[in-house]
N, C-alpha and C. Protein backbone atom coordinates (compact mmCIF):
# COMPACT_ATOMS: atom_id res chain seq x y z
N GLN A 1 -24.91 -11.63 5.67
CA GLN A 1 -23.18 -11.23 6.26
C GLN A 1 -22.43 -11.82 5.57
N PRO A 2 -20.90 -11.44 5.11
CA PRO A 2 -20.28 -11.83 4.53
C PRO A 2 -18.98 -12.65 4.93
N GLU A 3 -18.44 -14.09 4.89
CA GLU A 3 -18.20 -14.67 5.77
C GLU A 3 -16.38 -13.83 5.97
N VAL A 4 -15.75 -14.65 7.16
CA VAL A 4 -14.55 -13.46 7.47
C VAL A 4 -13.65 -13.91 5.84
N ASP A 5 -13.34 -15.01 5.02
CA ASP A 5 -12.47 -15.36 4.62
C ASP A 5 -12.86 -14.63 3.24
N ASP A 6 -14.31 -14.38 2.97
CA ASP A 6 -14.77 -13.32 1.55
C ASP A 6 -14.50 -11.75 1.92
N MET A 7 -14.23 -11.85 3.23
CA MET A 7 -13.86 -9.64 3.71
C MET A 7 -12.22 -10.14 3.51
N GLU A 8 -11.66 -10.97 3.77
CA GLU A 8 -9.90 -10.65 3.52
C GLU A 8 -9.92 -10.77 2.13
N ASP A 9 -10.59 -11.25 1.37
CA ASP A 9 -10.56 -11.01 -0.29
C ASP A 9 -9.82 -9.74 -0.57
N ASN A 10 -11.10 -8.89 0.46
CA ASN A 10 -11.19 -7.37 0.14
C ASN A 10 -10.03 -6.46 0.54
N PHE A 11 -9.21 -7.14 1.52
CA PHE A 11 -8.14 -6.75 1.93
C PHE A 11 -7.02 -6.39 1.15
N LEU A 12 -5.79 -5.69 1.00
CA LEU A 12 -5.06 -5.11 0.22
C LEU A 12 -4.10 -4.42 1.15
N PRO A 13 -2.81 -5.45 1.21
CA PRO A 13 -1.64 -4.62 1.26
C PRO A 13 -0.97 -3.17 1.30
N ILE A 14 -1.27 -2.67 1.74
CA ILE A 14 -0.52 -0.80 1.65
C ILE A 14 0.56 -0.79 1.91
N PHE A 15 1.36 -0.31 0.78
CA PHE A 15 2.95 0.36 0.39
C PHE A 15 2.69 2.20 0.97
N VAL A 16 3.03 2.83 2.05
CA VAL A 16 2.51 4.20 1.99
C VAL A 16 4.13 4.63 1.46
N CYS A 17 4.02 5.35 0.31
CA CYS A 17 5.02 6.01 -0.47
C CYS A 17 5.06 7.19 -1.09
N ASN A 18 4.69 7.24 -2.39
CA ASN A 18 4.61 8.28 -3.16
C ASN A 18 3.47 8.28 -4.01
N CYS A 19 3.26 9.62 -5.10
CA CYS A 19 2.01 9.32 -5.67
C CYS A 19 2.33 8.66 -6.97
N ILE A 20 1.63 7.45 -7.61
CA ILE A 20 1.54 6.96 -8.63
C ILE A 20 0.47 7.34 -9.59
N PHE A 21 0.62 6.64 -11.10
CA PHE A 21 -0.74 6.87 -11.47
C PHE A 21 -0.81 5.73 -12.62
N PRO A 22 -2.02 5.24 -12.80
CA PRO A 22 -2.14 3.61 -13.44
C PRO A 22 -1.39 4.11 -14.71
N GLY A 23 -1.58 2.91 -15.47
CA GLY A 23 -0.65 3.01 -16.63
C GLY A 23 1.22 3.20 -16.75
N THR A 24 1.44 3.34 -15.60
CA THR A 24 2.68 3.96 -15.39
C THR A 24 3.39 2.02 -14.86
N ALA A 25 4.79 2.25 -15.06
CA ALA A 25 5.53 1.54 -14.75
C ALA A 25 7.00 2.04 -13.70
N VAL A 26 6.86 1.52 -12.58
CA VAL A 26 7.48 1.97 -11.49
C VAL A 26 8.62 1.08 -10.84
N ARG A 27 9.56 1.54 -10.48
CA ARG A 27 10.35 0.92 -9.59
C ARG A 27 10.79 1.26 -8.16
N TYR A 28 10.65 0.09 -7.14
CA TYR A 28 11.17 0.69 -5.96
C TYR A 28 12.09 -0.26 -5.14
N LEU A 29 13.17 0.56 -4.34
CA LEU A 29 13.50 -0.17 -3.49
C LEU A 29 13.20 -0.54 -2.13
N ILE A 30 13.02 -1.50 -1.84
CA ILE A 30 12.33 -2.06 -0.53
C ILE A 30 13.22 -2.37 0.37
N PHE A 31 13.29 -1.54 1.56
CA PHE A 31 14.12 -1.92 2.82
C PHE A 31 13.70 -1.66 4.39
N GLU A 32 12.40 -1.05 4.27
CA GLU A 32 12.30 -1.40 5.61
C GLU A 32 11.30 -2.64 5.89
N PRO A 33 11.74 -2.86 7.16
CA PRO A 33 11.31 -4.59 7.28
C PRO A 33 9.87 -4.90 7.29
N ARG A 34 8.82 -4.00 7.88
CA ARG A 34 7.47 -4.08 7.25
C ARG A 34 7.47 -4.49 5.84
N TYR A 35 7.81 -3.57 5.19
CA TYR A 35 7.45 -3.56 3.45
C TYR A 35 8.33 -4.79 2.81
N VAL A 36 9.63 -5.12 3.51
CA VAL A 36 10.28 -6.45 3.05
C VAL A 36 9.31 -7.68 3.19
N LEU A 37 8.95 -7.70 4.46
CA LEU A 37 7.57 -8.63 4.90
C LEU A 37 6.45 -8.93 3.73
N MET A 38 5.82 -7.19 3.94
CA MET A 38 4.79 -7.21 2.70
C MET A 38 5.50 -8.21 1.78
N VAL A 39 6.12 -7.52 0.99
CA VAL A 39 6.54 -8.24 -0.62
C VAL A 39 6.61 -9.29 -0.32
N ARG A 40 7.04 -9.83 0.48
CA ARG A 40 7.22 -11.54 0.65
C ARG A 40 5.96 -12.49 0.54
N ASN A 41 5.53 -11.63 1.59
CA ASN A 41 4.09 -12.20 1.74
C ASN A 41 3.17 -12.20 0.47
N VAL A 42 3.28 -11.03 -0.40
CA VAL A 42 2.74 -11.17 -1.83
C VAL A 42 3.16 -11.90 -3.10
N LEU A 43 4.50 -12.25 -2.89
CA LEU A 43 4.74 -12.88 -3.71
C LEU A 43 4.99 -14.71 -3.22
N LYS A 44 4.59 -14.70 -2.04
CA LYS A 44 4.38 -16.05 -1.43
C LYS A 44 3.09 -16.70 -2.04
N THR A 45 2.06 -15.46 -1.83
CA THR A 45 0.61 -15.66 -1.86
C THR A 45 0.24 -15.68 -3.56
N GLY A 46 0.99 -15.37 -4.66
CA GLY A 46 1.02 -15.43 -6.13
C GLY A 46 -0.15 -14.71 -6.29
N SER A 47 -0.37 -13.86 -5.43
CA SER A 47 -1.45 -12.42 -6.43
C SER A 47 -1.08 -11.38 -7.12
N ARG A 48 0.58 -11.36 -6.11
CA ARG A 48 1.64 -10.06 -6.81
C ARG A 48 0.79 -8.79 -6.89
N GLU A 49 -0.30 -8.33 -6.16
CA GLU A 49 -0.96 -7.34 -6.18
C GLU A 49 -0.90 -6.44 -4.48
N PHE A 50 -0.64 -5.32 -4.89
CA PHE A 50 -0.88 -4.72 -3.48
C PHE A 50 -1.03 -3.62 -3.64
N GLY A 51 -1.28 -2.71 -2.73
CA GLY A 51 -1.70 -1.26 -3.18
C GLY A 51 -0.75 -0.30 -2.63
N VAL A 52 -0.49 0.86 -3.20
CA VAL A 52 0.39 2.08 -2.89
C VAL A 52 -0.73 3.55 -3.08
N CYS A 53 -0.06 4.12 -1.65
CA CYS A 53 -0.81 5.39 -1.28
C CYS A 53 0.06 6.13 -1.03
N MET A 54 -0.33 7.82 -1.06
CA MET A 54 0.78 8.68 -0.60
C MET A 54 0.65 8.48 0.77
N SER A 55 1.54 9.07 1.26
CA SER A 55 2.08 9.51 2.44
C SER A 55 1.51 10.79 3.12
N LEU A 56 0.78 10.87 4.36
CA LEU A 56 0.26 12.29 4.28
C LEU A 56 1.12 13.31 4.83
N GLU A 57 2.52 12.73 4.80
CA GLU A 57 3.47 13.80 5.05
C GLU A 57 4.10 14.63 4.08
N SER A 58 3.07 14.60 3.09
CA SER A 58 2.97 14.99 1.72
C SER A 58 2.57 16.63 2.02
N PHE A 59 1.35 16.49 3.03
CA PHE A 59 0.07 17.51 3.41
C PHE A 59 0.57 18.04 4.54
N PRO A 60 1.64 18.90 4.58
CA PRO A 60 1.94 19.64 6.21
C PRO A 60 0.94 20.46 6.95
N ASP A 61 -0.08 20.66 6.41
CA ASP A 61 -1.22 21.19 7.03
C ASP A 61 -2.18 20.62 7.64
N ARG A 62 -2.37 19.44 7.13
CA ARG A 62 -2.84 18.20 7.46
C ARG A 62 -3.67 18.07 9.25
N TYR A 63 -2.84 18.58 9.85
CA TYR A 63 -3.37 18.92 11.30
C TYR A 63 -4.04 19.75 11.58
N ASN A 64 -4.08 20.76 10.81
CA ASN A 64 -4.82 22.28 11.01
C ASN A 64 -5.95 22.48 9.90
N CYS A 65 -6.68 21.26 9.59
CA CYS A 65 -7.66 21.14 9.03
C CYS A 65 -8.82 21.19 10.00
N GLU A 66 -9.84 22.20 10.35
CA GLU A 66 -10.86 22.00 10.96
C GLU A 66 -12.38 20.99 10.01
N ASN A 67 -11.87 21.50 9.29
CA ASN A 67 -12.82 19.99 8.76
C ASN A 67 -12.34 18.68 8.45
N GLU A 68 -13.25 17.99 7.88
CA GLU A 68 -12.92 16.19 8.02
C GLU A 68 -11.85 15.81 6.93
N LEU A 69 -11.87 16.95 6.17
CA LEU A 69 -10.61 16.32 5.19
C LEU A 69 -9.51 15.31 5.32
N PHE A 70 -8.73 15.46 6.32
CA PHE A 70 -7.74 14.77 6.81
C PHE A 70 -8.36 13.86 8.48
N ASN A 71 -9.27 13.28 8.11
CA ASN A 71 -9.99 12.62 9.45
C ASN A 71 -10.43 10.95 8.96
N SER A 72 -10.12 10.71 8.06
CA SER A 72 -10.44 9.10 7.63
C SER A 72 -9.50 7.96 8.40
N ASP A 73 -10.10 6.79 8.51
CA ASP A 73 -9.69 5.69 8.74
C ASP A 73 -8.11 5.73 8.56
N ALA A 74 -8.38 5.91 7.19
CA ALA A 74 -6.68 5.63 6.39
C ALA A 74 -5.81 7.01 6.97
N ASN A 75 -6.16 8.14 6.68
CA ASN A 75 -5.83 9.07 7.13
C ASN A 75 -5.01 9.29 8.70
N LYS A 76 -5.58 8.58 9.46
CA LYS A 76 -5.35 8.15 10.84
C LYS A 76 -3.89 7.22 10.85
N MET A 77 -3.99 6.32 10.11
CA MET A 77 -2.67 5.50 9.91
C MET A 77 -1.55 6.35 8.95
N GLY A 78 -1.76 7.47 8.33
CA GLY A 78 -0.60 7.85 7.92
C GLY A 78 -0.55 8.33 6.36
N CYS A 79 -1.98 7.55 6.09
CA CYS A 79 -1.96 8.18 4.18
C CYS A 79 -3.20 8.58 3.50
N CYS A 80 -2.91 8.86 2.48
CA CYS A 80 -4.24 9.22 1.46
C CYS A 80 -5.65 8.05 1.50
N ASP A 81 -6.54 8.77 1.31
CA ASP A 81 -7.84 8.01 1.12
C ASP A 81 -7.82 7.21 -0.40
N TYR A 82 -7.09 7.96 -1.56
CA TYR A 82 -6.95 6.95 -2.34
C TYR A 82 -5.50 6.44 -2.75
N GLY A 83 -5.62 5.28 -3.22
CA GLY A 83 -4.41 4.84 -4.21
C GLY A 83 -4.17 4.10 -5.33
N CYS A 84 -3.46 3.39 -5.29
CA CYS A 84 -3.26 2.93 -6.94
C CYS A 84 -2.68 1.20 -6.90
N LEU A 85 -3.90 0.42 -7.16
CA LEU A 85 -3.81 -0.85 -6.88
C LEU A 85 -2.57 -0.93 -7.96
N VAL A 86 -1.31 -1.73 -7.60
CA VAL A 86 0.08 -2.47 -8.42
C VAL A 86 0.11 -3.94 -8.49
N ARG A 87 0.92 -4.41 -9.81
CA ARG A 87 1.00 -5.80 -9.44
C ARG A 87 2.41 -5.71 -10.22
N LEU A 88 2.96 -6.40 -8.99
CA LEU A 88 4.71 -6.64 -9.18
C LEU A 88 5.06 -7.54 -10.26
N VAL A 89 5.68 -7.22 -11.12
CA VAL A 89 6.05 -7.98 -12.60
C VAL A 89 7.62 -8.90 -12.22
N LYS A 90 8.52 -8.09 -11.50
CA LYS A 90 9.84 -8.26 -11.23
C LYS A 90 10.21 -8.07 -10.08
N HIS A 91 11.08 -8.69 -9.76
CA HIS A 91 11.85 -8.48 -8.35
C HIS A 91 13.30 -8.49 -8.15
N GLN A 92 14.29 -8.59 -7.59
CA GLN A 92 15.89 -8.82 -6.93
C GLN A 92 15.92 -8.82 -5.61
N ASP A 93 16.44 -10.24 -5.18
CA ASP A 93 16.67 -9.88 -3.71
C ASP A 93 18.22 -9.84 -3.87
N LEU A 94 17.93 -8.47 -3.14
CA LEU A 94 19.85 -8.07 -2.26
C LEU A 94 20.61 -8.95 -1.58
N PRO A 95 21.95 -8.94 -1.35
CA PRO A 95 22.59 -9.58 -0.48
C PRO A 95 21.87 -9.19 0.92
N ASP A 96 21.97 -7.66 1.14
CA ASP A 96 21.76 -7.06 2.51
C ASP A 96 20.37 -7.38 2.89
N GLY A 97 18.91 -8.00 2.55
CA GLY A 97 18.02 -7.75 2.73
C GLY A 97 16.84 -7.37 1.72
N ARG A 98 17.55 -5.91 1.30
CA ARG A 98 16.78 -5.82 0.57
C ARG A 98 16.02 -6.15 -0.71
N ILE A 99 14.66 -5.49 -1.00
CA ILE A 99 14.27 -6.12 -2.23
C ILE A 99 13.96 -4.80 -3.45
N VAL A 100 14.30 -5.09 -4.71
CA VAL A 100 14.37 -4.38 -5.71
C VAL A 100 12.98 -4.87 -6.59
N ILE A 101 11.81 -3.90 -6.32
CA ILE A 101 10.45 -4.41 -7.08
C ILE A 101 10.95 -3.29 -8.58
N TYR A 102 9.66 -4.04 -9.62
CA TYR A 102 9.16 -3.07 -10.51
C TYR A 102 7.87 -3.42 -10.65
N VAL A 103 7.55 -2.67 -10.45
CA VAL A 103 5.61 -3.07 -10.54
C VAL A 103 5.19 -1.84 -11.79
N ASN A 104 3.68 -2.45 -12.05
CA ASN A 104 2.76 -1.82 -13.19
C ASN A 104 1.39 -1.46 -12.49
N VAL A 105 1.21 -0.31 -12.87
CA VAL A 105 0.13 0.41 -12.17
C VAL A 105 -1.03 0.24 -13.08
N ILE A 106 -1.95 -0.36 -12.13
CA ILE A 106 -2.98 -1.15 -13.06
C ILE A 106 -4.58 0.21 -12.82
N SER A 107 -4.82 0.26 -11.65
CA SER A 107 -6.02 1.48 -11.46
C SER A 107 -5.82 2.01 -9.99
N ARG A 108 -7.16 2.92 -9.73
CA ARG A 108 -7.12 4.05 -8.34
C ARG A 108 -8.31 2.77 -7.86
N PHE A 109 -7.77 3.07 -6.44
CA PHE A 109 -8.73 2.75 -5.60
C PHE A 109 -9.46 3.54 -3.84
N LEU A 110 -10.19 3.36 -3.53
CA LEU A 110 -10.72 4.24 -2.27
C LEU A 110 -10.50 3.55 -0.97
N ILE A 111 -10.07 3.63 -0.58
CA ILE A 111 -9.45 2.60 1.09
C ILE A 111 -10.85 3.14 1.87
N THR A 112 -11.73 2.20 2.10
CA THR A 112 -13.15 2.32 3.36
C THR A 112 -12.59 1.73 4.35
N GLU A 113 -12.25 0.65 4.69
CA GLU A 113 -11.50 -0.17 5.33
C GLU A 113 -10.25 -0.22 6.06
N VAL A 114 -9.77 0.02 7.06
CA VAL A 114 -8.31 -0.32 7.45
C VAL A 114 -8.41 -0.87 8.89
N SER A 115 -7.31 -1.94 8.09
CA SER A 115 -7.17 -2.91 9.17
C SER A 115 -5.20 -3.36 9.51
N THR A 116 -4.95 -3.49 10.69
CA THR A 116 -3.49 -4.31 10.89
C THR A 116 -3.43 -5.45 10.56
N HIS A 117 -2.56 -6.08 10.31
CA HIS A 117 -2.08 -7.60 10.21
C HIS A 117 -0.33 -7.59 9.82
N SER A 118 0.28 -8.09 10.66
CA SER A 118 1.45 -8.45 10.89
C SER A 118 2.45 -7.07 10.51
N GLU A 119 1.99 -6.29 10.91
CA GLU A 119 2.54 -4.44 10.92
C GLU A 119 2.79 -4.18 9.85
N SER A 120 1.66 -4.58 9.06
CA SER A 120 1.08 -4.19 7.72
C SER A 120 -0.09 -3.59 7.24
N MET A 121 -0.27 -2.28 7.23
CA MET A 121 -1.53 -1.96 7.14
C MET A 121 -2.35 -2.47 5.93
N VAL A 122 -3.61 -3.08 5.66
CA VAL A 122 -4.36 -3.54 4.64
C VAL A 122 -5.80 -2.75 4.99
């Protein structure tokens, strides 16, 4: 059985937003309080990495599916099962509390387990 600390190493903060692809660079304006907190925590830990997953709002028929296509834990939290690992390379704090971030998209991942921590999905 893995220790709790070991398990937390496998959890990644998730920013539910749009579709991105490995090998690209993306700029985001972070304004929602839970994501501002997430970015601040990512900067504080020094890892500078988090996940980006596409919102299920992009799939209007998701609730009409009779199969289990949109029935995973990630889907219940409002995002797709797959996402991309990003590394924050630059940020700018704005006077009104918003943050502009620049990330490099590293690789894809599959969400296998969902938890919540400090109002952020991980």
